[in-house]
N, C-alpha and C. Protein backbone atom coordinates (compact mmCIF):
# COMPACT_ATOMS: atom_id res chain seq x y z
N UNK A 1 205.62 20.27 -10.27
CA UNK A 1 206.74 19.48 -10.72
C UNK A 1 207.93 19.76 -9.79
N UNK A 2 208.58 18.71 -9.31
CA UNK A 2 209.71 18.90 -8.41
C UNK A 2 210.96 19.26 -9.20
N UNK A 3 211.77 20.06 -8.58
CA UNK A 3 213.01 20.50 -9.20
C UNK A 3 214.15 19.63 -8.68
N UNK A 4 214.96 19.08 -9.57
CA UNK A 4 216.09 18.24 -9.19
C UNK A 4 217.25 19.12 -8.75
N UNK A 5 217.82 18.80 -7.59
CA UNK A 5 218.98 19.54 -7.10
C UNK A 5 220.18 19.23 -7.97
N UNK A 6 220.97 20.24 -8.24
CA UNK A 6 222.16 20.06 -9.05
C UNK A 6 223.39 20.34 -8.19
N UNK A 7 224.45 19.62 -8.45
CA UNK A 7 225.71 19.89 -7.77
C UNK A 7 226.86 19.58 -8.70
N UNK A 8 228.01 20.11 -8.37
CA UNK A 8 229.20 19.93 -9.19
C UNK A 8 230.37 19.62 -8.28
N UNK A 9 231.20 18.68 -8.68
CA UNK A 9 232.38 18.32 -7.93
C UNK A 9 233.60 18.60 -8.79
N UNK A 10 234.51 19.38 -8.27
CA UNK A 10 235.73 19.71 -8.98
C UNK A 10 236.92 19.22 -8.17
N UNK A 11 237.91 18.69 -8.85
CA UNK A 11 239.13 18.24 -8.18
C UNK A 11 240.31 18.38 -9.10
N UNK A 12 241.47 18.50 -8.54
CA UNK A 12 242.67 18.63 -9.35
C UNK A 12 243.20 17.25 -9.71
N UNK A 13 244.02 17.18 -10.75
CA UNK A 13 244.66 15.92 -11.13
C UNK A 13 245.56 15.43 -10.01
N UNK A 14 246.17 16.35 -9.28
CA UNK A 14 247.04 15.96 -8.18
C UNK A 14 246.25 15.24 -7.09
N UNK A 15 245.03 15.65 -6.85
CA UNK A 15 244.20 15.00 -5.84
C UNK A 15 243.88 13.57 -6.26
N UNK A 16 243.52 13.36 -7.50
CA UNK A 16 243.24 12.03 -8.01
C UNK A 16 244.48 11.15 -7.93
N UNK A 17 245.63 11.69 -8.32
CA UNK A 17 246.88 10.95 -8.22
C UNK A 17 247.20 10.59 -6.78
N UNK A 18 246.97 11.52 -5.86
CA UNK A 18 247.22 11.26 -4.44
C UNK A 18 246.33 10.13 -3.93
N UNK A 19 245.05 10.14 -4.32
CA UNK A 19 244.16 9.05 -3.92
C UNK A 19 244.71 7.70 -4.38
N UNK A 20 245.19 7.65 -5.61
CA UNK A 20 245.74 6.41 -6.16
C UNK A 20 247.03 5.99 -5.47
N UNK A 21 247.92 6.93 -5.23
CA UNK A 21 249.20 6.62 -4.57
C UNK A 21 248.96 6.10 -3.15
N UNK A 22 248.09 6.76 -2.43
CA UNK A 22 247.82 6.39 -1.04
C UNK A 22 246.79 5.27 -0.90
N UNK A 23 246.18 4.90 -2.02
CA UNK A 23 245.12 3.87 -2.03
C UNK A 23 244.00 4.23 -1.05
N UNK A 24 243.54 5.46 -1.18
CA UNK A 24 242.53 6.03 -0.29
C UNK A 24 241.17 6.05 -0.99
N UNK A 25 240.15 5.76 -0.23
CA UNK A 25 238.76 5.90 -0.69
C UNK A 25 238.08 6.96 0.16
N UNK A 26 237.22 7.73 -0.45
CA UNK A 26 236.44 8.73 0.27
C UNK A 26 234.97 8.51 0.00
N UNK A 27 234.17 8.64 1.03
CA UNK A 27 232.72 8.57 0.90
C UNK A 27 232.16 9.77 1.62
N UNK A 28 231.26 10.48 0.97
CA UNK A 28 230.60 11.59 1.64
C UNK A 28 229.18 11.73 1.13
N UNK A 29 228.38 12.41 1.90
CA UNK A 29 226.98 12.60 1.55
C UNK A 29 226.65 14.09 1.53
N UNK A 30 225.58 14.39 0.87
CA UNK A 30 225.02 15.73 0.93
C UNK A 30 223.52 15.60 1.13
N UNK A 31 223.05 16.08 2.24
CA UNK A 31 221.62 15.97 2.53
C UNK A 31 220.79 16.80 1.56
N UNK A 32 221.37 17.83 0.98
CA UNK A 32 220.61 18.72 0.10
C UNK A 32 220.18 18.01 -1.18
N UNK A 33 221.03 17.15 -1.72
CA UNK A 33 220.65 16.45 -2.94
C UNK A 33 220.39 14.96 -2.69
N UNK A 34 220.45 14.57 -1.41
CA UNK A 34 220.14 13.19 -1.03
C UNK A 34 220.98 12.19 -1.81
N UNK A 35 222.31 12.41 -1.81
CA UNK A 35 223.22 11.56 -2.58
C UNK A 35 224.35 11.04 -1.71
N UNK A 36 224.85 9.89 -2.10
CA UNK A 36 226.04 9.29 -1.51
C UNK A 36 227.10 9.25 -2.60
N UNK A 37 228.26 9.80 -2.33
CA UNK A 37 229.30 9.92 -3.34
C UNK A 37 230.51 9.13 -2.87
N UNK A 38 231.02 8.26 -3.73
CA UNK A 38 232.15 7.39 -3.41
C UNK A 38 233.28 7.63 -4.40
N UNK A 39 234.46 7.87 -3.88
CA UNK A 39 235.66 7.90 -4.72
C UNK A 39 236.56 6.80 -4.20
N UNK A 40 237.18 6.04 -5.09
CA UNK A 40 238.00 4.95 -4.62
C UNK A 40 239.17 4.72 -5.55
N UNK A 41 240.15 4.04 -5.01
CA UNK A 41 241.35 3.67 -5.74
C UNK A 41 241.04 2.48 -6.64
N UNK A 42 241.46 2.54 -7.87
CA UNK A 42 241.33 1.42 -8.79
C UNK A 42 242.70 0.90 -9.13
N UNK A 43 242.84 -0.39 -9.24
CA UNK A 43 244.13 -0.99 -9.58
C UNK A 43 244.50 -0.71 -11.01
């Protein structure tokens, strides 16, 4: 049976607010868990 890789993402409220103020999106990957992670500004 294959074991699913686990990961955790932590961020501060200030970081989320900064993303919204600057209207910034971030995309990053992790080869270890074979995932694409997207954070984006919402209106």
